Amino acid sequence: MTSTILAKTPVAPAAAAGGSPPRQARKRRGRWFRGPYGLITPAIVLITVFIAVPVGTVVYFSLFQYNLSKPWATKFIGLDNFHTMLFDDPQFWSSLGITSVWVVAEVVLQLVLGLALALLLNRVFRGRALVRALMFAPWAISGVLATQIWLLIYNPTTGIADVLSQLGAQSGFAPLAAGGSAFWAAVIAELWRGLPFFAIMLLADMQSIPKDVYEAADVDGASAFKQFRYVTLPYLREAIIITTLLRAVWEFNNVDLLYTLTGGGPAGATTTLPLYIVNEAVGARNFGYGSALTIAGFVILLVFSMIYLYFGRASRKESK
């Protein structure tokens, strides 16, 4: 009896494992790029380049006495810039107070007038589409262009002051020459530019209110004021809160209009905290102290942002 012995061919360890190690490594890299990590990589890179690096740079320079006009005199001073800001710089607290009044005045006026304008535009009348389009124009143009328009209006020889003098009012009135009038002149200019955003946001939410709710209120004999109080306002509550917080953040950061319109003057009457930061870091080239001021503004904005996110999350939960 003849027996045949079949030789078994040994299997390579790499083949038994399912492929060569380089091929497996390439597959793993491919799965990594096609998986969730690959999807979030661009966002991580962008956040690092445009947020983490600038913030880290500002924090770094805030610990130094660093003037761009004298870079050779740079020295590490630790937290001295923050100590100076909090205890030895009255201009910081003055600019913070002006910023607070600016934000409150703008947000309250834009809320009240924006709500009134939204109620008006929610009614059906001839030419409503044209009025809505024209209303959006101040918001659509750039801040510098809007400021140039108001500089012409406030011009003491050719603007509104000249018109008032021709009507018999006191001649020589210059709205931007005195501290009190300059501040409120800037408030009016920014109100003209920011009011359309508030009105459009509230109008969009107002048009989503079901018609049958108003019809039921009419059947119950509710007056127009009661319909506004018990129907319109409750439906607009979330939009009012979110839009108010968003506008507060934007108005806190407002630099272009104030810088172009008044430059922070006269005598610092319109110098808000962001404008003070610009004057210190760019005008005086005091980059170290300007960085410390920037961190203070960042902390304040962080608080606003946390409140905004809290109410935004709460409104989404209520809508579900």
C-alpha atoms as a PDB file:
ATOM      1  CA  MET A   1       0.000   0.000   0.000  1.00  0.00           C
ATOM      2  CA  THR A   2       1.465   3.177  -1.165  1.00  0.00           C
ATOM      3  CA  SER A   3       0.905   6.223   0.962  1.00  0.00           C
ATOM      4  CA  THR A   4       1.223   9.667  -0.395  1.00  0.00           C
ATOM      5  CA  ILE A   5       2.416  12.370   1.947  1.00  0.00           C
ATOM      6  CA  LEU A   6       1.177  15.792   0.980  1.00  0.00           C
ATOM      7  CA  ALA A   7       3.449  18.539   2.064  1.00  0.00           C
ATOM      8  CA  LYS A   8       1.651  21.432   3.653  1.00  0.00           C
ATOM      9  CA  THR A   9       2.741  24.781   2.534  1.00  0.00           C
ATOM     10  CA  PRO A  10       3.389  26.969   5.565  1.00  0.00           C
ATOM     11  CA  VAL A  11       1.233  30.057   5.762  1.00  0.00           C
ATOM     12  CA  ALA A  12       3.092  33.295   6.240  1.00  0.00           C
ATOM     13  CA  PRO A  13       2.259  35.014   9.491  1.00  0.00           C
ATOM     14  CA  ALA A  14       1.444  38.240   7.670  1.00  0.00           C
ATOM     15  CA  ALA A  15      -0.881  36.436   5.247  1.00  0.00           C
ATOM     16  CA  ALA A  16      -2.582  34.623   8.104  1.00  0.00           C
ATOM     17  CA  ALA A  17      -3.159  37.934   9.807  1.00  0.00           C
ATOM     18  CA  GLY A  18      -5.094  39.167   6.804  1.00  0.00           C
ATOM     19  CA  GLY A  19      -2.553  41.145   4.785  1.00  0.00           C
ATOM     20  CA  SER A  20       0.823  42.782   4.911  1.00  0.00           C
ATOM     21  CA  PRO A  21       1.529  45.240   7.745  1.00  0.00           C
ATOM     22  CA  PRO A  22       1.974  48.247   5.395  1.00  0.00           C
ATOM     23  CA  ARG A  23      -1.357  47.488   3.759  1.00  0.00           C
ATOM     24  CA  GLN A  24      -3.033  47.230   7.163  1.00  0.00           C
ATOM     25  CA  ALA A  25      -1.517  50.548   8.204  1.00  0.00           C
ATOM     26  CA  ARG A  26      -2.813  52.184   5.027  1.00  0.00           C
ATOM     27  CA  LYS A  27      -6.275  50.752   5.681  1.00  0.00           C
ATOM     28  CA  ARG A  28      -6.233  52.066   9.236  1.00  0.00           C
ATOM     29  CA  ARG A  29      -5.202  55.525   8.034  1.00  0.00           C
ATOM     30  CA  GLY A  30      -7.938  55.438   5.416  1.00  0.00           C
ATOM     31  CA  ARG A  31     -10.539  54.497   8.003  1.00  0.00           C
ATOM     32  CA  TRP A  32      -9.265  57.293  10.261  1.00  0.00           C
ATOM     33  CA  PHE A  33      -9.666  59.947   7.550  1.00  0.00           C
ATOM     34  CA  ARG A  34     -13.054  58.595   6.473  1.00  0.00           C
ATOM     35  CA  GLY A  35     -14.303  58.244  10.062  1.00  0.00           C
ATOM     36  CA  PRO A  36     -15.418  60.831  12.608  1.00  0.00           C
ATOM     37  CA  TYR A  37     -11.878  62.011  13.340  1.00  0.00           C
ATOM     38  CA  GLY A  38     -11.366  62.907   9.714  1.00  0.00           C
ATOM     39  CA  LEU A  39     -14.585  64.907   9.709  1.00  0.00           C
ATOM     40  CA  ILE A  40     -13.642  67.039  12.708  1.00  0.00           C
ATOM     41  CA  THR A  41      -9.995  67.551  11.688  1.00  0.00           C
ATOM     42  CA  PRO A  42     -10.672  70.639   9.480  1.00  0.00           C
ATOM     43  CA  ALA A  43     -12.681  72.249  12.284  1.00  0.00           C
ATOM     44  CA  ILE A  44      -9.899  71.556  14.789  1.00  0.00           C
ATOM     45  CA  VAL A  45      -7.306  73.068  12.450  1.00  0.00           C
ATOM     46  CA  LEU A  46      -9.416  76.189  11.842  1.00  0.00           C
ATOM     47  CA  ILE A  47     -10.146  76.657  15.548  1.00  0.00           C
ATOM     48  CA  THR A  48      -6.460  76.280  16.357  1.00  0.00           C
ATOM     49  CA  VAL A  49      -5.307  78.734  13.681  1.00  0.00           C
ATOM     50  CA  PHE A  50      -7.988  81.405  14.056  1.00  0.00           C
ATOM     51  CA  ILE A  51      -8.918  81.160  17.764  1.00  0.00           C
ATOM     52  CA  ALA A  52      -6.401  79.277  19.893  1.00  0.00           C
ATOM     53  CA  VAL A  53      -3.279  80.908  18.427  1.00  0.00           C
ATOM     54  CA  PRO A  54      -4.578  84.531  18.611  1.00  0.00           C
ATOM     55  CA  VAL A  55      -5.961  84.032  22.125  1.00  0.00           C
ATOM     56  CA  GLY A  56      -2.713  82.442  23.270  1.00  0.00           C
ATOM     57  CA  THR A  57      -0.737  85.308  21.734  1.00  0.00           C
ATOM     58  CA  VAL A  58      -2.856  87.919  23.521  1.00  0.00           C
ATOM     59  CA  VAL A  59      -2.484  86.106  26.851  1.00  0.00           C
ATOM     60  CA  TYR A  60       1.275  85.877  26.315  1.00  0.00           C
ATOM     61  CA  PHE A  61       1.749  89.583  25.538  1.00  0.00           C
ATOM     62  CA  SER A  62      -0.497  90.618  28.440  1.00  0.00           C
ATOM     63  CA  LEU A  63       2.250  89.401  30.774  1.00  0.00           C
ATOM     64  CA  PHE A  64       4.835  91.768  29.268  1.00  0.00           C
ATOM     65  CA  GLN A  65       5.537  95.461  29.167  1.00  0.00           C
ATOM     66  CA  TYR A  66       5.607  95.604  25.399  1.00  0.00           C
ATOM     67  CA  ASN A  67       5.439  98.784  23.339  1.00  0.00           C
ATOM     68  CA  LEU A  68       5.681  98.420  19.572  1.00  0.00           C
ATOM     69  CA  SER A  69       7.605 101.686  19.299  1.00  0.00           C
ATOM     70  CA  LYS A  70      10.252 100.385  21.766  1.00  0.00           C
ATOM     71  CA  PRO A  71      10.449  96.611  21.285  1.00  0.00           C
ATOM     72  CA  TRP A  72      13.961  96.479  22.774  1.00  0.00           C
ATOM     73  CA  ALA A  73      12.550  97.599  26.148  1.00  0.00           C
ATOM     74  CA  THR A  74      10.224  94.601  26.436  1.00  0.00           C
ATOM     75  CA  LYS A  75      10.289  92.898  29.817  1.00  0.00           C
ATOM     76  CA  PHE A  76       8.232  90.334  31.692  1.00  0.00           C
ATOM     77  CA  ILE A  77       6.025  91.931  34.369  1.00  0.00           C
ATOM     78  CA  GLY A  78       3.592  89.112  35.176  1.00  0.00           C
ATOM     79  CA  LEU A  79       0.159  90.356  36.222  1.00  0.00           C
ATOM     80  CA  ASP A  80       1.156  94.017  36.607  1.00  0.00           C
ATOM     81  CA  ASN A  81      -0.880  95.032  33.550  1.00  0.00           C
ATOM     82  CA  PHE A  82      -4.016  93.609  35.158  1.00  0.00           C
ATOM     83  CA  HIS A  83      -3.208  95.305  38.477  1.00  0.00           C
ATOM     84  CA  THR A  84      -2.783  98.621  36.679  1.00  0.00           C
ATOM     85  CA  MET A  85      -6.034  98.099  34.780  1.00  0.00           C
ATOM     86  CA  LEU A  86      -8.107  97.327  37.879  1.00  0.00           C
ATOM     87  CA  PHE A  87      -6.587  99.710  40.433  1.00  0.00           C
ATOM     88  CA  ASP A  88      -4.592 102.446  38.692  1.00  0.00           C
ATOM     89  CA  ASP A  89      -6.429 103.212  35.450  1.00  0.00           C
ATOM     90  CA  PRO A  90      -9.587 105.339  35.824  1.00  0.00           C
ATOM     91  CA  GLN A  91      -9.946 105.402  32.040  1.00  0.00           C
ATOM     92  CA  PHE A  92     -10.651 101.650  32.071  1.00  0.00           C
ATOM     93  CA  TRP A  93     -13.582 102.033  34.470  1.00  0.00           C
ATOM     94  CA  SER A  94     -14.805 105.107  32.619  1.00  0.00           C
ATOM     95  CA  SER A  95     -14.791 103.247  29.299  1.00  0.00           C
ATOM     96  CA  LEU A  96     -16.523 100.280  30.939  1.00  0.00           C
ATOM     97  CA  GLY A  97     -19.251 102.568  32.284  1.00  0.00           C
ATOM     98  CA  ILE A  98     -19.705 104.236  28.893  1.00  0.00           C
ATOM     99  CA  THR A  99     -19.899 100.798  27.293  1.00  0.00           C
ATOM    100  CA  SER A 100     -22.612  99.724  29.735  1.00  0.00           C
ATOM    101  CA  VAL A 101     -24.735 102.819  29.041  1.00  0.00           C
ATOM    102  CA  TRP A 102     -24.145 102.383  25.309  1.00  0.00           C
ATOM    103  CA  VAL A 103     -25.242  98.737  25.287  1.00  0.00           C
ATOM    104  CA  VAL A 104     -28.316  99.330  27.470  1.00  0.00           C
ATOM    105  CA  ALA A 105     -29.431 102.386  25.480  1.00  0.00           C
ATOM    106  CA  GLU A 106     -28.999 100.678  22.123  1.00  0.00           C
ATOM    107  CA  VAL A 107     -30.625  97.386  23.096  1.00  0.00           C
ATOM    108  CA  VAL A 108     -33.623  98.991  24.830  1.00  0.00           C
ATOM    109  CA  LEU A 109     -34.281 101.491  22.027  1.00  0.00           C
ATOM    110  CA  GLN A 110     -33.838  98.882  19.310  1.00  0.00           C
ATOM    111  CA  LEU A 111     -36.119  96.458  21.157  1.00  0.00           C
ATOM    112  CA  VAL A 112     -38.951  98.942  21.724  1.00  0.00           C
ATOM    113  CA  LEU A 113     -38.825 100.599  18.304  1.00  0.00           C
ATOM    114  CA  GLY A 114     -38.088  97.308  16.526  1.00  0.00           C
ATOM    115  CA  LEU A 115     -41.140  95.703  18.113  1.00  0.00           C
ATOM    116  CA  ALA A 116     -43.310  98.676  17.127  1.00  0.00           C
ATOM    117  CA  LEU A 117     -41.955  98.571  13.581  1.00  0.00           C
ATOM    118  CA  ALA A 118     -42.524  94.819  13.334  1.00  0.00           C
ATOM    119  CA  LEU A 119     -46.138  95.256  14.474  1.00  0.00           C
ATOM    120  CA  LEU A 120     -46.623  97.929  11.828  1.00  0.00           C
ATOM    121  CA  LEU A 121     -45.095  95.871   9.028  1.00  0.00           C
ATOM    122  CA  ASN A 122     -47.098  92.819  10.041  1.00  0.00           C
ATOM    123  CA  ARG A 123     -50.263  94.598   8.937  1.00  0.00           C
ATOM    124  CA  VAL A 124     -51.466  94.421   5.354  1.00  0.00           C
ATOM    125  CA  PHE A 125     -51.230  97.744   3.502  1.00  0.00           C
ATOM    126  CA  ARG A 126     -50.374  99.003   0.054  1.00  0.00           C
ATOM    127  CA  GLY A 127     -46.625  99.047  -0.635  1.00  0.00           C
ATOM    128  CA  ARG A 128     -45.722  96.824   2.315  1.00  0.00           C
ATOM    129  CA  ALA A 129     -43.119  94.869   0.310  1.00  0.00           C
ATOM    130  CA  LEU A 130     -41.378  98.101  -0.740  1.00  0.00           C
ATOM    131  CA  VAL A 131     -41.347  99.409   2.821  1.00  0.00           C
ATOM    132  CA  ARG A 132     -39.815  96.155   4.063  1.00  0.00           C
ATOM    133  CA  ALA A 133     -37.091  96.318   1.420  1.00  0.00           C
ATOM    134  CA  LEU A 134     -36.267  99.951   2.228  1.00  0.00           C
ATOM    135  CA  MET A 135     -36.239  99.189   5.946  1.00  0.00           C
ATOM    136  CA  PHE A 136     -33.471  96.651   5.440  1.00  0.00           C
ATOM    137  CA  ALA A 137     -31.199  99.164   3.647  1.00  0.00           C
ATOM    138  CA  PRO A 138     -29.510 100.680   6.754  1.00  0.00           C
ATOM    139  CA  TRP A 139     -28.583  97.196   7.968  1.00  0.00           C
ATOM    140  CA  ALA A 140     -27.261  96.141   4.553  1.00  0.00           C
ATOM    141  CA  ILE A 141     -24.768  98.975   4.069  1.00  0.00           C
ATOM    142  CA  SER A 142     -21.350  98.954   5.715  1.00  0.00           C
ATOM    143  CA  GLY A 143     -20.748 100.633   9.040  1.00  0.00           C
ATOM    144  CA  VAL A 144     -18.235 103.109   7.620  1.00  0.00           C
ATOM    145  CA  LEU A 145     -20.650 104.183   4.870  1.00  0.00           C
ATOM    146  CA  ALA A 146     -23.436 104.612   7.420  1.00  0.00           C
ATOM    147  CA  THR A 147     -21.101 106.737   9.532  1.00  0.00           C
ATOM    148  CA  GLN A 148     -20.266 108.972   6.576  1.00  0.00           C
ATOM    149  CA  ILE A 149     -23.981 109.568   6.040  1.00  0.00           C
ATOM    150  CA  TRP A 150     -24.389 110.641   9.654  1.00  0.00           C
ATOM    151  CA  LEU A 151     -21.287 112.815   9.517  1.00  0.00           C
ATOM    152  CA  LEU A 152     -23.005 114.753   6.743  1.00  0.00           C
ATOM    153  CA  ILE A 153     -26.199 114.952   8.800  1.00  0.00           C
ATOM    154  CA  TYR A 154     -24.337 116.212  11.874  1.00  0.00           C
ATOM    155  CA  ASN A 155     -22.200 118.678   9.921  1.00  0.00           C
ATOM    156  CA  PRO A 156     -22.715 122.073  11.640  1.00  0.00           C
ATOM    157  CA  THR A 157     -22.689 124.033   8.361  1.00  0.00           C
ATOM    158  CA  THR A 158     -24.494 121.778   5.899  1.00  0.00           C
ATOM    159  CA  GLY A 159     -26.362 119.225   8.005  1.00  0.00           C
ATOM    160  CA  ILE A 160     -29.295 119.220  10.372  1.00  0.00           C
ATOM    161  CA  ALA A 161     -27.819 122.070  12.425  1.00  0.00           C
ATOM    162  CA  ASP A 162     -27.994 124.348   9.386  1.00  0.00           C
ATOM    163  CA  VAL A 163     -31.622 123.332   8.774  1.00  0.00           C
ATOM    164  CA  LEU A 164     -32.510 124.073  12.405  1.00  0.00           C
ATOM    165  CA  SER A 165     -30.820 127.470  12.247  1.00  0.00           C
ATOM    166  CA  GLN A 166     -32.851 128.355   9.146  1.00  0.00           C
ATOM    167  CA  LEU A 167     -36.010 127.402  11.054  1.00  0.00           C
ATOM    168  CA  GLY A 168     -35.105 129.866  13.784  1.00  0.00           C
ATOM    169  CA  ALA A 169     -33.251 127.601  16.188  1.00  0.00           C
ATOM    170  CA  GLN A 170     -29.910 128.488  17.731  1.00  0.00           C
ATOM    171  CA  SER A 171     -27.216 128.638  15.083  1.00  0.00           C
ATOM    172  CA  GLY A 172     -23.837 126.999  15.407  1.00  0.00           C
ATOM    173  CA  PHE A 173     -25.153 123.812  16.998  1.00  0.00           C
ATOM    174  CA  ALA A 174     -22.614 121.002  16.517  1.00  0.00           C
ATOM    175  CA  PRO A 175     -23.912 117.645  17.818  1.00  0.00           C
ATOM    176  CA  LEU A 176     -20.459 116.061  17.866  1.00  0.00           C
ATOM    177  CA  ALA A 177     -18.694 118.938  19.619  1.00  0.00           C
ATOM    178  CA  ALA A 178     -19.972 118.399  23.174  1.00  0.00           C
ATOM    179  CA  GLY A 179     -19.629 115.211  25.202  1.00  0.00           C
ATOM    180  CA  GLY A 180     -23.278 114.618  26.077  1.00  0.00           C
ATOM    181  CA  SER A 181     -24.665 115.451  22.650  1.00  0.00           C
ATOM    182  CA  ALA A 182     -21.911 113.473  20.894  1.00  0.00           C
ATOM    183  CA  PHE A 183     -22.781 110.312  22.826  1.00  0.00           C
ATOM    184  CA  TRP A 184     -26.482 110.497  22.027  1.00  0.00           C
ATOM    185  CA  ALA A 185     -25.766 111.502  18.450  1.00  0.00           C
ATOM    186  CA  ALA A 186     -23.774 108.276  18.134  1.00  0.00           C
ATOM    187  CA  VAL A 187     -26.635 106.357  19.791  1.00  0.00           C
ATOM    188  CA  ILE A 188     -29.086 107.700  17.197  1.00  0.00           C
ATOM    189  CA  ALA A 189     -26.757 106.817  14.323  1.00  0.00           C
ATOM    190  CA  GLU A 190     -26.305 103.245  15.570  1.00  0.00           C
ATOM    191  CA  LEU A 191     -30.031 102.981  16.286  1.00  0.00           C
ATOM    192  CA  TRP A 192     -30.752 103.824  12.651  1.00  0.00           C
ATOM    193  CA  ARG A 193     -28.359 101.116  11.523  1.00  0.00           C
ATOM    194  CA  GLY A 194     -29.282  98.370  14.014  1.00  0.00           C
ATOM    195  CA  LEU A 195     -33.053  98.849  14.225  1.00  0.00           C
ATOM    196  CA  PRO A 196     -33.846  96.896  11.000  1.00  0.00           C
ATOM    197  CA  PHE A 197     -32.228  93.723  12.344  1.00  0.00           C
ATOM    198  CA  PHE A 198     -34.390  93.756  15.465  1.00  0.00           C
ATOM    199  CA  ALA A 199     -37.531  94.499  13.453  1.00  0.00           C
ATOM    200  CA  ILE A 200     -36.864  91.757  10.898  1.00  0.00           C
ATOM    201  CA  MET A 201     -36.144  89.126  13.553  1.00  0.00           C
ATOM    202  CA  LEU A 202     -39.320  89.936  15.466  1.00  0.00           C
ATOM    203  CA  LEU A 203     -41.378  90.236  12.285  1.00  0.00           C
ATOM    204  CA  ALA A 204     -40.255  86.797  11.107  1.00  0.00           C
ATOM    205  CA  ASP A 205     -41.274  85.251  14.424  1.00  0.00           C
ATOM    206  CA  MET A 206     -44.499  87.240  14.486  1.00  0.00           C
ATOM    207  CA  GLN A 207     -45.585  85.831  11.141  1.00  0.00           C
ATOM    208  CA  SER A 208     -45.245  82.289  12.490  1.00  0.00           C
ATOM    209  CA  ILE A 209     -47.986  82.869  15.088  1.00  0.00           C
ATOM    210  CA  PRO A 210     -51.073  80.806  14.097  1.00  0.00           C
ATOM    211  CA  LYS A 211     -53.946  82.913  12.782  1.00  0.00           C
ATOM    212  CA  ASP A 212     -56.531  80.859  14.630  1.00  0.00           C
ATOM    213  CA  VAL A 213     -55.109  82.088  17.952  1.00  0.00           C
ATOM    214  CA  TYR A 214     -56.018  85.668  17.031  1.00  0.00           C
ATOM    215  CA  GLU A 215     -59.391  84.510  15.711  1.00  0.00           C
ATOM    216  CA  ALA A 216     -60.124  82.812  19.030  1.00  0.00           C
ATOM    217  CA  ALA A 217     -59.111  85.995  20.860  1.00  0.00           C
ATOM    218  CA  ASP A 218     -61.496  88.010  18.660  1.00  0.00           C
ATOM    219  CA  VAL A 219     -64.317  85.615  19.454  1.00  0.00           C
ATOM    220  CA  ASP A 220     -63.609  86.051  23.171  1.00  0.00           C
ATOM    221  CA  GLY A 221     -63.830  89.814  22.735  1.00  0.00           C
ATOM    222  CA  ALA A 222     -60.164  90.581  23.489  1.00  0.00           C
ATOM    223  CA  SER A 223     -59.036  94.087  22.591  1.00  0.00           C
ATOM    224  CA  ALA A 224     -56.004  94.795  20.424  1.00  0.00           C
ATOM    225  CA  PHE A 225     -53.896  95.544  23.508  1.00  0.00           C
ATOM    226  CA  LYS A 226     -54.933  92.306  25.219  1.00  0.00           C
ATOM    227  CA  GLN A 227     -54.149  90.335  22.050  1.00  0.00           C
ATOM    228  CA  PHE A 228     -50.709  91.925  22.007  1.00  0.00           C
ATOM    229  CA  ARG A 229     -50.119  91.243  25.701  1.00  0.00           C
ATOM    230  CA  TYR A 230     -51.499  87.719  25.989  1.00  0.00           C
ATOM    231  CA  VAL A 231     -50.928  86.352  22.469  1.00  0.00           C
ATOM    232  CA  THR A 232     -48.171  88.208  20.619  1.00  0.00           C
ATOM    233  CA  LEU A 233     -45.699  88.786  23.461  1.00  0.00           C
ATOM    234  CA  PRO A 234     -45.725  85.175  24.773  1.00  0.00           C
ATOM    235  CA  TYR A 235     -45.046  83.881  21.268  1.00  0.00           C
ATOM    236  CA  LEU A 236     -42.231  86.424  20.797  1.00  0.00           C
ATOM    237  CA  ARG A 237     -40.610  85.772  24.183  1.00  0.00           C
ATOM    238  CA  GLU A 238     -37.856  83.467  22.917  1.00  0.00           C
ATOM    239  CA  ALA A 239     -37.091  85.655  19.893  1.00  0.00           C
ATOM    240  CA  ILE A 240     -36.905  88.760  22.094  1.00  0.00           C
ATOM    241  CA  ILE A 241     -34.504  87.130  24.578  1.00  0.00           C
ATOM    242  CA  ILE A 242     -32.201  85.646  21.945  1.00  0.00           C
ATOM    243  CA  THR A 243     -32.155  88.761  19.745  1.00  0.00           C
ATOM    244  CA  THR A 244     -31.581  91.035  22.749  1.00  0.00           C
ATOM    245  CA  LEU A 245     -28.589  89.026  23.953  1.00  0.00           C
ATOM    246  CA  LEU A 246     -27.170  88.815  20.436  1.00  0.00           C
ATOM    247  CA  ARG A 247     -27.506  92.559  19.900  1.00  0.00           C
ATOM    248  CA  ALA A 248     -25.938  93.202  23.317  1.00  0.00           C
ATOM    249  CA  VAL A 249     -22.840  91.264  22.252  1.00  0.00           C
ATOM    250  CA  TRP A 250     -22.683  93.091  18.915  1.00  0.00           C
ATOM    251  CA  GLU A 251     -23.157  96.520  20.476  1.00  0.00           C
ATOM    252  CA  PHE A 252     -20.486  95.761  23.069  1.00  0.00           C
ATOM    253  CA  ASN A 253     -18.081  95.071  20.205  1.00  0.00           C
ATOM    254  CA  ASN A 254     -19.072  98.154  18.217  1.00  0.00           C
ATOM    255  CA  VAL A 255     -15.934  99.951  17.109  1.00  0.00           C
ATOM    256  CA  ASP A 256     -16.313 101.057  13.484  1.00  0.00           C
ATOM    257  CA  LEU A 257     -19.135 103.569  13.980  1.00  0.00           C
ATOM    258  CA  LEU A 258     -17.708 105.210  17.107  1.00  0.00           C
ATOM    259  CA  TYR A 259     -14.169 105.272  15.734  1.00  0.00           C
ATOM    260  CA  THR A 260     -15.261 106.890  12.469  1.00  0.00           C
ATOM    261  CA  LEU A 261     -17.919 109.192  13.920  1.00  0.00           C
ATOM    262  CA  THR A 262     -16.265 110.558  17.066  1.00  0.00           C
ATOM    263  CA  GLY A 263     -12.926 108.785  17.505  1.00  0.00           C
ATOM    264  CA  GLY A 264     -13.825 108.373  21.176  1.00  0.00           C
ATOM    265  CA  GLY A 265     -14.149 112.111  21.772  1.00  0.00           C
ATOM    266  CA  PRO A 266     -14.760 114.713  22.739  1.00  0.00           C
ATOM    267  CA  ALA A 267     -12.678 114.283  25.904  1.00  0.00           C
ATOM    268  CA  GLY A 268     -13.323 110.533  25.962  1.00  0.00           C
ATOM    269  CA  ALA A 269     -17.121 110.920  26.181  1.00  0.00           C
ATOM    270  CA  THR A 270     -17.694 108.182  23.599  1.00  0.00           C
ATOM    271  CA  THR A 271     -14.695 105.966  24.375  1.00  0.00           C
ATOM    272  CA  THR A 272     -16.113 102.505  24.960  1.00  0.00           C
ATOM    273  CA  LEU A 273     -13.954  99.610  26.128  1.00  0.00           C
ATOM    274  CA  PRO A 274     -13.317  98.185  22.613  1.00  0.00           C
ATOM    275  CA  LEU A 275     -12.406 101.663  21.378  1.00  0.00           C
ATOM    276  CA  TYR A 276     -10.110 102.147  24.374  1.00  0.00           C
ATOM    277  CA  ILE A 277      -8.408  98.857  23.467  1.00  0.00           C
ATOM    278  CA  VAL A 278      -7.874 100.106  19.910  1.00  0.00           C
ATOM    279  CA  ASN A 279      -6.461 103.411  21.158  1.00  0.00           C
ATOM    280  CA  GLU A 280      -4.036 101.668  23.534  1.00  0.00           C
ATOM    281  CA  ALA A 281      -2.905  98.792  21.312  1.00  0.00           C
ATOM    282  CA  VAL A 282      -2.881 100.609  17.966  1.00  0.00           C
ATOM    283  CA  GLY A 283      -2.817 104.329  18.735  1.00  0.00           C
ATOM    284  CA  ALA A 284      -0.396 104.325  21.671  1.00  0.00           C
ATOM    285  CA  ARG A 285       1.265 101.065  20.489  1.00  0.00           C
ATOM    286  CA  ASN A 286       1.081  99.806  24.060  1.00  0.00           C
ATOM    287  CA  PHE A 287       0.520  96.236  22.973  1.00  0.00           C
ATOM    288  CA  GLY A 288       1.090  94.617  26.360  1.00  0.00           C
ATOM    289  CA  TYR A 289      -1.478  96.722  28.194  1.00  0.00           C
ATOM    290  CA  GLY A 290      -3.832  96.547  25.229  1.00  0.00           C
ATOM    291  CA  SER A 291      -3.676  92.761  25.437  1.00  0.00           C
ATOM    292  CA  ALA A 292      -4.667  92.881  29.118  1.00  0.00           C
ATOM    293  CA  LEU A 293      -7.627  95.109  28.238  1.00  0.00           C
ATOM    294  CA  THR A 294      -8.577  92.662  25.501  1.00  0.00           C
ATOM    295  CA  ILE A 295      -8.695  89.794  27.995  1.00  0.00           C
ATOM    296  CA  ALA A 296     -11.005  91.848  30.230  1.00  0.00           C
ATOM    297  CA  GLY A 297     -13.332  92.441  27.291  1.00  0.00           C
ATOM    298  CA  PHE A 298     -13.125  88.767  26.368  1.00  0.00           C
ATOM    299  CA  VAL A 299     -14.218  87.710  29.858  1.00  0.00           C
ATOM    300  CA  ILE A 300     -17.230  90.043  29.716  1.00  0.00           C
ATOM    301  CA  LEU A 301     -18.210  88.732  26.286  1.00  0.00           C
ATOM    302  CA  LEU A 302     -17.772  85.176  27.534  1.00  0.00           C
ATOM    303  CA  VAL A 303     -20.397  85.833  30.206  1.00  0.00           C
ATOM    304  CA  PHE A 304     -22.784  87.244  27.575  1.00  0.00           C
ATOM    305  CA  SER A 305     -22.135  84.239  25.349  1.00  0.00           C
ATOM    306  CA  MET A 306     -22.838  81.765  28.147  1.00  0.00           C
ATOM    307  CA  ILE A 307     -26.147  83.505  28.897  1.00  0.00           C
ATOM    308  CA  TYR A 308     -26.991  83.481  25.190  1.00  0.00           C
ATOM    309  CA  LEU A 309     -26.229  79.762  24.869  1.00  0.00           C
ATOM    310  CA  TYR A 310     -28.217  78.996  28.015  1.00  0.00           C
ATOM    311  CA  PHE A 311     -31.353  80.705  26.741  1.00  0.00           C
ATOM    312  CA  GLY A 312     -30.842  79.241  23.271  1.00  0.00           C
ATOM    313  CA  ARG A 313     -30.641  75.736  24.712  1.00  0.00           C
ATOM    314  CA  ALA A 314     -33.670  76.374  26.923  1.00  0.00           C
ATOM    315  CA  SER A 315     -35.728  77.604  23.969  1.00  0.00           C
ATOM    316  CA  ARG A 316     -34.835  74.525  21.932  1.00  0.00           C
ATOM    317  CA  LYS A 317     -35.933  72.267  24.797  1.00  0.00           C
ATOM    318  CA  GLU A 318     -39.242  74.111  25.077  1.00  0.00           C
ATOM    319  CA  SER A 319     -39.841  73.841  21.327  1.00  0.00           C
ATOM    320  CA  LYS A 320     -39.428  70.055  21.542  1.00  0.00           C
END
